[in-house]
Amino acid sequence: MKVPFRFWLLGIAALSATACSPLAPHSNALPNPQNNVAQAVKSSATATLAQAQTDPFAQTQMKPNFPLNVQRQAGTCPKTVGLWMFMLGYEGGADHTVIADTQAIASAPAKLIVSQPKRLEYEAPLRKEYASCVGQASSPLVSAYNFQFRNGKVNFRMDVSRDDGYRAILYKGVSASRPYIHWRAAE
């Protein structure tokens, strides 16, 4: 198995720090703080190398960059639900991509149930532990997106129909059981 360069470099740094440490492992000299640092680096590098060998995709997996708190009205609800949001700006507008992390709380992939030029809605059944949830998740910072929890389902909505300017949904779909939307906003 090929080990990524940065893990290889960490391993070399850890081994070098241990081999070059002023205290040999069996020395009776006084403790040296550098030895503790070398041990920490070696331990961290070993753990990172082990993780890379057991999960080669660990570095490509990232948590949603915009968590929304769920306001529970009844039942057992998740504390948060996340969005991955990416934006590429250009003069006079921006392309937006949003992915809802429904996989973390749903028992099956989301399905598109409403598709209009400026409004979309996806629905997925909730996992057993959240099936009783009644609540919602939204933020004034990203008012175009919201989640509704009820009837054993989670609904993810995007609505830009009330916004001024040009708004167009360019792509929509489900990937890795998660709904995604790529849309454009311009003046």
C-alpha atoms as a PDB file:
ATOM      1  CA  MET A   1       0.000   0.000   0.000  1.00  0.00           C
ATOM      2  CA  LYS A   2       1.310   3.412  -0.919  1.00  0.00           C
ATOM      3  CA  VAL A   3       1.548   5.818   2.050  1.00  0.00           C
ATOM      4  CA  PRO A   4       0.808   9.519   1.308  1.00  0.00           C
ATOM      5  CA  PHE A   5       3.900  11.742   1.356  1.00  0.00           C
ATOM      6  CA  ARG A   6       2.905  13.763   4.420  1.00  0.00           C
ATOM      7  CA  PHE A   7       2.473  10.587   6.500  1.00  0.00           C
ATOM      8  CA  TRP A   8       5.814   9.317   5.277  1.00  0.00           C
ATOM      9  CA  LEU A   9       7.384  12.650   6.219  1.00  0.00           C
ATOM     10  CA  LEU A  10       5.818  12.528   9.689  1.00  0.00           C
ATOM     11  CA  GLY A  11       7.179   9.024  10.164  1.00  0.00           C
ATOM     12  CA  ILE A  12      10.694  10.115   9.173  1.00  0.00           C
ATOM     13  CA  ALA A  13      10.468  13.152  11.472  1.00  0.00           C
ATOM     14  CA  ALA A  14       9.318  10.990  14.367  1.00  0.00           C
ATOM     15  CA  LEU A  15      12.077   8.426  13.845  1.00  0.00           C
ATOM     16  CA  SER A  16      14.706  11.152  13.432  1.00  0.00           C
ATOM     17  CA  ALA A  17      13.566  12.929  16.577  1.00  0.00           C
ATOM     18  CA  THR A  18      13.775   9.696  18.556  1.00  0.00           C
ATOM     19  CA  ALA A  19      17.151   8.640  17.131  1.00  0.00           C
ATOM     20  CA  CYS A  20      18.685  12.105  17.621  1.00  0.00           C
ATOM     21  CA  SER A  21      17.297  12.652  21.090  1.00  0.00           C
ATOM     22  CA  PRO A  22      20.023  13.681  23.581  1.00  0.00           C
ATOM     23  CA  LEU A  23      18.889  10.969  25.981  1.00  0.00           C
ATOM     24  CA  ALA A  24      19.233   7.339  25.052  1.00  0.00           C
ATOM     25  CA  PRO A  25      16.314   5.155  26.218  1.00  0.00           C
ATOM     26  CA  HIS A  26      18.442   3.541  28.960  1.00  0.00           C
ATOM     27  CA  SER A  27      20.248   6.690  30.086  1.00  0.00           C
ATOM     28  CA  ASN A  28      20.354   7.597  33.763  1.00  0.00           C
ATOM     29  CA  ALA A  29      20.569  11.298  32.953  1.00  0.00           C
ATOM     30  CA  LEU A  30      17.974  13.829  34.079  1.00  0.00           C
ATOM     31  CA  PRO A  31      14.698  13.996  32.096  1.00  0.00           C
ATOM     32  CA  ASN A  32      14.807  16.223  29.040  1.00  0.00           C
ATOM     33  CA  PRO A  33      11.672  18.024  27.752  1.00  0.00           C
ATOM     34  CA  GLN A  34      12.860  17.415  24.178  1.00  0.00           C
ATOM     35  CA  ASN A  35      12.530  13.673  24.772  1.00  0.00           C
ATOM     36  CA  ASN A  36       8.827  14.163  25.680  1.00  0.00           C
ATOM     37  CA  VAL A  37       8.289  16.119  22.466  1.00  0.00           C
ATOM     38  CA  ALA A  38      10.011  13.400  20.437  1.00  0.00           C
ATOM     39  CA  GLN A  39       7.823  10.744  22.041  1.00  0.00           C
ATOM     40  CA  ALA A  40       4.679  12.786  21.317  1.00  0.00           C
ATOM     41  CA  VAL A  41       5.697  13.268  17.676  1.00  0.00           C
ATOM     42  CA  LYS A  42       6.520   9.568  17.312  1.00  0.00           C
ATOM     43  CA  SER A  43       3.247   8.546  18.939  1.00  0.00           C
ATOM     44  CA  SER A  44       1.222  10.969  16.781  1.00  0.00           C
ATOM     45  CA  ALA A  45       2.972   9.858  13.592  1.00  0.00           C
ATOM     46  CA  THR A  46       2.421   6.190  14.431  1.00  0.00           C
ATOM     47  CA  ALA A  47      -1.282   6.801  15.098  1.00  0.00           C
ATOM     48  CA  THR A  48      -1.631   8.797  11.861  1.00  0.00           C
ATOM     49  CA  LEU A  49       0.150   6.104   9.834  1.00  0.00           C
ATOM     50  CA  ALA A  50      -2.017   3.405  11.395  1.00  0.00           C
ATOM     51  CA  GLN A  51      -5.179   5.363  10.589  1.00  0.00           C
ATOM     52  CA  ALA A  52      -4.035   5.901   6.989  1.00  0.00           C
ATOM     53  CA  GLN A  53      -3.424   2.179   6.598  1.00  0.00           C
ATOM     54  CA  THR A  54      -6.829   1.166   8.012  1.00  0.00           C
ATOM     55  CA  ASP A  55      -8.862   3.945   6.336  1.00  0.00           C
ATOM     56  CA  PRO A  56      -7.163   5.270   3.206  1.00  0.00           C
ATOM     57  CA  PHE A  57      -9.984   7.807   2.689  1.00  0.00           C
ATOM     58  CA  ALA A  58      -9.800   9.297   6.207  1.00  0.00           C
ATOM     59  CA  GLN A  59      -8.225  12.514   4.931  1.00  0.00           C
ATOM     60  CA  THR A  60     -10.899  13.015   2.271  1.00  0.00           C
ATOM     61  CA  GLN A  61     -13.774  12.739   4.712  1.00  0.00           C
ATOM     62  CA  MET A  62     -14.785  16.011   6.287  1.00  0.00           C
ATOM     63  CA  LYS A  63     -17.567  17.127   8.554  1.00  0.00           C
ATOM     64  CA  PRO A  64     -20.209  19.553   7.306  1.00  0.00           C
ATOM     65  CA  ASN A  65     -18.928  23.130   7.462  1.00  0.00           C
ATOM     66  CA  PHE A  66     -22.262  24.627   8.521  1.00  0.00           C
ATOM     67  CA  PRO A  67     -24.078  22.834  11.369  1.00  0.00           C
ATOM     68  CA  LEU A  68     -27.638  23.883  12.151  1.00  0.00           C
ATOM     69  CA  ASN A  69     -29.132  23.394  15.607  1.00  0.00           C
ATOM     70  CA  VAL A  70     -32.382  21.429  15.623  1.00  0.00           C
ATOM     71  CA  GLN A  71     -35.190  23.148  17.534  1.00  0.00           C
ATOM     72  CA  ARG A  72     -37.073  20.203  19.015  1.00  0.00           C
ATOM     73  CA  GLN A  73     -40.831  20.516  19.549  1.00  0.00           C
ATOM     74  CA  ALA A  74     -41.482  16.873  20.454  1.00  0.00           C
ATOM     75  CA  GLY A  75     -39.885  13.431  20.382  1.00  0.00           C
ATOM     76  CA  THR A  76     -36.199  12.493  20.170  1.00  0.00           C
ATOM     77  CA  CYS A  77     -34.311  14.672  17.710  1.00  0.00           C
ATOM     78  CA  PRO A  78     -30.711  14.981  16.606  1.00  0.00           C
ATOM     79  CA  LYS A  79     -28.934  17.956  18.204  1.00  0.00           C
ATOM     80  CA  THR A  80     -27.699  19.256  14.858  1.00  0.00           C
ATOM     81  CA  VAL A  81     -27.954  18.611  11.158  1.00  0.00           C
ATOM     82  CA  GLY A  82     -25.197  19.733   8.838  1.00  0.00           C
ATOM     83  CA  LEU A  83     -24.691  21.348   5.479  1.00  0.00           C
ATOM     84  CA  TRP A  84     -21.642  21.412   3.301  1.00  0.00           C
ATOM     85  CA  MET A  85     -21.651  24.769   1.549  1.00  0.00           C
ATOM     86  CA  PHE A  86     -19.239  25.888  -1.143  1.00  0.00           C
ATOM     87  CA  MET A  87     -19.265  29.156  -3.044  1.00  0.00           C
ATOM     88  CA  LEU A  88     -17.287  30.352  -6.024  1.00  0.00           C
ATOM     89  CA  GLY A  89     -17.675  34.091  -6.447  1.00  0.00           C
ATOM     90  CA  TYR A  90     -17.271  36.070  -9.628  1.00  0.00           C
ATOM     91  CA  GLU A  91     -17.907  39.700 -10.516  1.00  0.00           C
ATOM     92  CA  GLY A  92     -21.609  40.304 -10.007  1.00  0.00           C
ATOM     93  CA  GLY A  93     -22.552  36.930  -8.536  1.00  0.00           C
ATOM     94  CA  ALA A  94     -21.587  33.496  -7.292  1.00  0.00           C
ATOM     95  CA  ASP A  95     -22.117  29.803  -7.899  1.00  0.00           C
ATOM     96  CA  HIS A  96     -23.282  27.939  -4.798  1.00  0.00           C
ATOM     97  CA  THR A  97     -23.210  24.235  -3.993  1.00  0.00           C
ATOM     98  CA  VAL A  98     -24.962  22.892  -0.926  1.00  0.00           C
ATOM     99  CA  ILE A  99     -25.100  19.290   0.287  1.00  0.00           C
ATOM    100  CA  ALA A 100     -27.389  18.291   3.163  1.00  0.00           C
ATOM    101  CA  ASP A 101     -25.974  15.649   5.504  1.00  0.00           C
ATOM    102  CA  THR A 102     -29.167  13.629   5.722  1.00  0.00           C
ATOM    103  CA  GLN A 103     -27.182  10.381   5.692  1.00  0.00           C
ATOM    104  CA  ALA A 104     -26.203  10.997   9.333  1.00  0.00           C
ATOM    105  CA  ILE A 105     -29.858  10.957  10.463  1.00  0.00           C
ATOM    106  CA  ALA A 106     -31.806   9.139   7.731  1.00  0.00           C
ATOM    107  CA  SER A 107     -32.376   5.426   7.234  1.00  0.00           C
ATOM    108  CA  ALA A 108     -32.495   5.640   3.414  1.00  0.00           C
ATOM    109  CA  PRO A 109     -31.351   8.005   0.649  1.00  0.00           C
ATOM    110  CA  ALA A 110     -33.203  11.295   0.172  1.00  0.00           C
ATOM    111  CA  LYS A 111     -35.662  11.633  -2.702  1.00  0.00           C
ATOM    112  CA  LEU A 112     -36.615  14.762  -4.610  1.00  0.00           C
ATOM    113  CA  ILE A 113     -40.316  15.484  -3.971  1.00  0.00           C
ATOM    114  CA  VAL A 114     -40.679  19.132  -5.125  1.00  0.00           C
ATOM    115  CA  SER A 115     -38.849  20.637  -8.082  1.00  0.00           C
ATOM    116  CA  GLN A 116     -39.628  24.178  -9.161  1.00  0.00           C
ATOM    117  CA  PRO A 117     -37.381  26.730 -10.880  1.00  0.00           C
ATOM    118  CA  LYS A 118     -36.382  28.407  -7.587  1.00  0.00           C
ATOM    119  CA  ARG A 119     -37.510  25.881  -4.981  1.00  0.00           C
ATOM    120  CA  LEU A 120     -36.551  22.275  -4.207  1.00  0.00           C
ATOM    121  CA  GLU A 121     -37.497  19.823  -1.495  1.00  0.00           C
ATOM    122  CA  TYR A 122     -35.970  16.460  -0.623  1.00  0.00           C
ATOM    123  CA  GLU A 123     -37.385  13.901   1.809  1.00  0.00           C
ATOM    124  CA  ALA A 124     -35.832  10.950   3.631  1.00  0.00           C
ATOM    125  CA  PRO A 125     -37.091   8.576   6.341  1.00  0.00           C
ATOM    126  CA  LEU A 126     -35.517   9.181   9.739  1.00  0.00           C
ATOM    127  CA  ARG A 127     -33.545   6.522  11.591  1.00  0.00           C
ATOM    128  CA  LYS A 128     -35.485   4.653  14.292  1.00  0.00           C
ATOM    129  CA  GLU A 129     -33.929   6.684  17.112  1.00  0.00           C
ATOM    130  CA  TYR A 130     -35.202   9.943  15.533  1.00  0.00           C
ATOM    131  CA  ALA A 131     -38.514   8.727  14.054  1.00  0.00           C
ATOM    132  CA  SER A 132     -40.502  10.523  16.798  1.00  0.00           C
ATOM    133  CA  CYS A 133     -38.797  13.859  16.135  1.00  0.00           C
ATOM    134  CA  VAL A 134     -40.898  16.942  15.476  1.00  0.00           C
ATOM    135  CA  GLY A 135     -38.816  20.053  14.940  1.00  0.00           C
ATOM    136  CA  GLN A 136     -36.907  22.223  12.540  1.00  0.00           C
ATOM    137  CA  ALA A 137     -33.458  23.547  11.785  1.00  0.00           C
ATOM    138  CA  SER A 138     -32.650  26.826  10.068  1.00  0.00           C
ATOM    139  CA  SER A 139     -30.426  29.873  10.356  1.00  0.00           C
ATOM    140  CA  PRO A 140     -30.892  33.517   9.395  1.00  0.00           C
ATOM    141  CA  LEU A 141     -27.373  33.367   7.913  1.00  0.00           C
ATOM    142  CA  VAL A 142     -28.524  30.871   5.281  1.00  0.00           C
ATOM    143  CA  SER A 143     -32.242  31.559   5.090  1.00  0.00           C
ATOM    144  CA  ALA A 144     -32.604  29.801   1.736  1.00  0.00           C
ATOM    145  CA  TYR A 145     -32.139  26.401   3.447  1.00  0.00           C
ATOM    146  CA  ASN A 146     -34.131  24.668   6.175  1.00  0.00           C
ATOM    147  CA  PHE A 147     -34.950  21.244   7.571  1.00  0.00           C
ATOM    148  CA  GLN A 148     -38.296  20.016   8.879  1.00  0.00           C
ATOM    149  CA  PHE A 149     -38.693  16.902  11.044  1.00  0.00           C
ATOM    150  CA  ARG A 150     -42.135  15.263  11.310  1.00  0.00           C
ATOM    151  CA  ASN A 151     -44.033  12.074  10.538  1.00  0.00           C
ATOM    152  CA  GLY A 152     -40.846  10.022  10.796  1.00  0.00           C
ATOM    153  CA  LYS A 153     -39.198  11.967   7.961  1.00  0.00           C
ATOM    154  CA  VAL A 154     -36.725  14.767   7.415  1.00  0.00           C
ATOM    155  CA  ASN A 155     -37.383  17.307   4.674  1.00  0.00           C
ATOM    156  CA  PHE A 156     -34.599  19.498   3.339  1.00  0.00           C
ATOM    157  CA  ARG A 157     -35.770  22.600   1.475  1.00  0.00           C
ATOM    158  CA  MET A 158     -34.109  25.286  -0.572  1.00  0.00           C
ATOM    159  CA  ASP A 159     -36.152  28.316  -1.584  1.00  0.00           C
ATOM    160  CA  VAL A 160     -34.680  31.353  -3.365  1.00  0.00           C
ATOM    161  CA  SER A 161     -37.978  32.538  -4.869  1.00  0.00           C
ATOM    162  CA  ARG A 162     -38.203  35.540  -2.513  1.00  0.00           C
ATOM    163  CA  ASP A 163     -34.689  36.795  -3.277  1.00  0.00           C
ATOM    164  CA  ASP A 164     -34.011  39.702  -5.633  1.00  0.00           C
ATOM    165  CA  GLY A 165     -31.822  39.307  -8.674  1.00  0.00           C
ATOM    166  CA  TYR A 166     -31.106  36.347 -10.878  1.00  0.00           C
ATOM    167  CA  ARG A 167     -31.371  32.932  -9.172  1.00  0.00           C
ATOM    168  CA  ALA A 168     -31.199  29.655 -11.075  1.00  0.00           C
ATOM    169  CA  ILE A 169     -30.837  26.045 -10.003  1.00  0.00           C
ATOM    170  CA  LEU A 170     -28.244  24.562 -12.334  1.00  0.00           C
ATOM    171  CA  TYR A 171     -27.988  20.973 -11.026  1.00  0.00           C
ATOM    172  CA  LYS A 172     -29.744  18.877  -8.429  1.00  0.00           C
ATOM    173  CA  GLY A 173     -29.554  15.283  -7.366  1.00  0.00           C
ATOM    174  CA  VAL A 174     -28.577  12.758  -4.735  1.00  0.00           C
ATOM    175  CA  SER A 175     -25.032  11.551  -4.260  1.00  0.00           C
ATOM    176  CA  ALA A 176     -23.829   9.199  -1.502  1.00  0.00           C
ATOM    177  CA  SER A 177     -27.441   9.221  -0.205  1.00  0.00           C
ATOM    178  CA  ARG A 178     -27.264  13.002   0.316  1.00  0.00           C
ATOM    179  CA  PRO A 179     -29.203  15.658  -1.608  1.00  0.00           C
ATOM    180  CA  TYR A 180     -27.161  18.322  -3.371  1.00  0.00           C
ATOM    181  CA  ILE A 181     -28.020  21.523  -5.192  1.00  0.00           C
ATOM    182  CA  HIS A 182     -25.799  23.664  -7.403  1.00  0.00           C
ATOM    183  CA  TRP A 183     -27.262  27.084  -8.086  1.00  0.00           C
ATOM    184  CA  ARG A 184     -26.265  30.517  -9.343  1.00  0.00           C
ATOM    185  CA  ALA A 185     -27.018  33.948  -7.944  1.00  0.00           C
ATOM    186  CA  ALA A 186     -26.309  37.192  -9.794  1.00  0.00           C
ATOM    187  CA  GLU A 187     -27.331  40.825  -9.573  1.00  0.00           C
END
